[in-house]
Amino acid sequence: MRVLIFIAILASMLSSCTSKELYNATQINRQSKCNEEVGVLRDKCIESLNKKSYGDYERERKEIIKSKQ
């Protein structure tokens, strides 16, 4: 059920958000999912999060796209 709600929210956001806002919303959602865990599982989840800034993410994304052309 949560997945469906997330998809609905994400779909509505796609029509009105910039890429940066979408990236930030995704990061916040992933952090929230980690916070649902406890103890060591929570710590491991938080450590596994992509903590890149949007600028770094966007540069890497563009490099990957350019290398595939």
C-alpha atoms as a PDB file:
ATOM      1  CA  MET A   1       0.000   0.000   0.000  1.00  0.00           C
ATOM      2  CA  ARG A   2       2.816   2.415   0.861  1.00  0.00           C
ATOM      3  CA  VAL A   3       4.428   1.759  -2.500  1.00  0.00           C
ATOM      4  CA  LEU A   4       1.237   2.722  -4.319  1.00  0.00           C
ATOM      5  CA  ILE A   5       0.953   5.916  -2.300  1.00  0.00           C
ATOM      6  CA  PHE A   6       4.596   6.750  -3.025  1.00  0.00           C
ATOM      7  CA  ILE A   7       4.092   6.118  -6.750  1.00  0.00           C
ATOM      8  CA  ALA A   8       1.010   8.331  -6.793  1.00  0.00           C
ATOM      9  CA  ILE A   9       2.863  11.128  -5.026  1.00  0.00           C
ATOM     10  CA  LEU A  10       5.869  10.697  -7.274  1.00  0.00           C
ATOM     11  CA  ALA A  11       3.697  10.790 -10.405  1.00  0.00           C
ATOM     12  CA  SER A  12       2.054  14.021  -9.315  1.00  0.00           C
ATOM     13  CA  MET A  13       5.427  15.507  -8.446  1.00  0.00           C
ATOM     14  CA  LEU A  14       6.892  14.632 -11.834  1.00  0.00           C
ATOM     15  CA  SER A  15       4.515  16.963 -13.562  1.00  0.00           C
ATOM     16  CA  SER A  16       5.446  19.930 -11.394  1.00  0.00           C
ATOM     17  CA  CYS A  17       8.973  19.361 -10.051  1.00  0.00           C
ATOM     18  CA  THR A  18      12.397  20.045 -11.370  1.00  0.00           C
ATOM     19  CA  SER A  19      14.964  17.283 -11.493  1.00  0.00           C
ATOM     20  CA  LYS A  20      16.645  18.716  -8.418  1.00  0.00           C
ATOM     21  CA  GLU A  21      13.430  18.704  -6.407  1.00  0.00           C
ATOM     22  CA  LEU A  22      12.732  15.130  -7.484  1.00  0.00           C
ATOM     23  CA  TYR A  23      16.259  14.064  -6.498  1.00  0.00           C
ATOM     24  CA  ASN A  24      15.858  15.706  -3.084  1.00  0.00           C
ATOM     25  CA  ALA A  25      12.433  14.139  -2.538  1.00  0.00           C
ATOM     26  CA  THR A  26      13.838  10.721  -3.384  1.00  0.00           C
ATOM     27  CA  GLN A  27      16.705  11.206  -0.945  1.00  0.00           C
ATOM     28  CA  ILE A  28      14.281  12.220   1.808  1.00  0.00           C
ATOM     29  CA  ASN A  29      12.120   9.157   1.096  1.00  0.00           C
ATOM     30  CA  ARG A  30      15.115   6.830   1.278  1.00  0.00           C
ATOM     31  CA  GLN A  31      16.185   8.424   4.584  1.00  0.00           C
ATOM     32  CA  SER A  32      12.664   7.934   5.946  1.00  0.00           C
ATOM     33  CA  LYS A  33      12.759   4.262   5.000  1.00  0.00           C
ATOM     34  CA  CYS A  34      16.030   3.880   6.920  1.00  0.00           C
ATOM     35  CA  ASN A  35      14.516   5.581   9.942  1.00  0.00           C
ATOM     36  CA  GLU A  36      11.846   2.866  10.054  1.00  0.00           C
ATOM     37  CA  GLU A  37      14.592   0.362  10.913  1.00  0.00           C
ATOM     38  CA  VAL A  38      16.182   0.007  14.347  1.00  0.00           C
ATOM     39  CA  GLY A  39      19.673  -0.507  15.688  1.00  0.00           C
ATOM     40  CA  VAL A  40      22.329  -1.925  13.419  1.00  0.00           C
ATOM     41  CA  LEU A  41      19.900  -2.317  10.488  1.00  0.00           C
ATOM     42  CA  ARG A  42      19.144   1.408  10.607  1.00  0.00           C
ATOM     43  CA  ASP A  43      22.833   2.286  10.816  1.00  0.00           C
ATOM     44  CA  LYS A  44      23.695   0.069   7.834  1.00  0.00           C
ATOM     45  CA  CYS A  45      20.821   1.483   5.817  1.00  0.00           C
ATOM     46  CA  ILE A  46      21.909   5.066   6.489  1.00  0.00           C
ATOM     47  CA  GLU A  47      25.510   4.209   5.578  1.00  0.00           C
ATOM     48  CA  SER A  48      24.351   2.778   2.257  1.00  0.00           C
ATOM     49  CA  LEU A  49      22.499   5.930   1.229  1.00  0.00           C
ATOM     50  CA  ASN A  50      23.809   7.905  -1.712  1.00  0.00           C
ATOM     51  CA  LYS A  51      24.933  11.126  -0.039  1.00  0.00           C
ATOM     52  CA  LYS A  52      25.996  12.952  -3.190  1.00  0.00           C
ATOM     53  CA  SER A  53      24.891  16.503  -3.686  1.00  0.00           C
ATOM     54  CA  TYR A  54      22.539  17.079  -6.586  1.00  0.00           C
ATOM     55  CA  GLY A  55      25.349  18.836  -8.467  1.00  0.00           C
ATOM     56  CA  ASP A  56      27.639  15.799  -8.160  1.00  0.00           C
ATOM     57  CA  TYR A  57      24.812  13.459  -9.117  1.00  0.00           C
ATOM     58  CA  GLU A  58      23.919  15.533 -12.175  1.00  0.00           C
ATOM     59  CA  ARG A  59      27.545  15.738 -13.365  1.00  0.00           C
ATOM     60  CA  GLU A  60      27.945  11.969 -13.066  1.00  0.00           C
ATOM     61  CA  ARG A  61      24.623  11.365 -14.809  1.00  0.00           C
ATOM     62  CA  LYS A  62      25.623  13.588 -17.732  1.00  0.00           C
ATOM     63  CA  GLU A  63      29.005  11.866 -18.027  1.00  0.00           C
ATOM     64  CA  ILE A  64      27.325   8.453 -18.205  1.00  0.00           C
ATOM     65  CA  ILE A  65      24.868   9.639 -20.839  1.00  0.00           C
ATOM     66  CA  LYS A  66      27.667  11.228 -22.868  1.00  0.00           C
ATOM     67  CA  SER A  67      29.816   8.058 -22.712  1.00  0.00           C
ATOM     68  CA  LYS A  68      26.936   5.949 -24.055  1.00  0.00           C
ATOM     69  CA  GLN A  69      26.483   8.103 -27.156  1.00  0.00           C
END
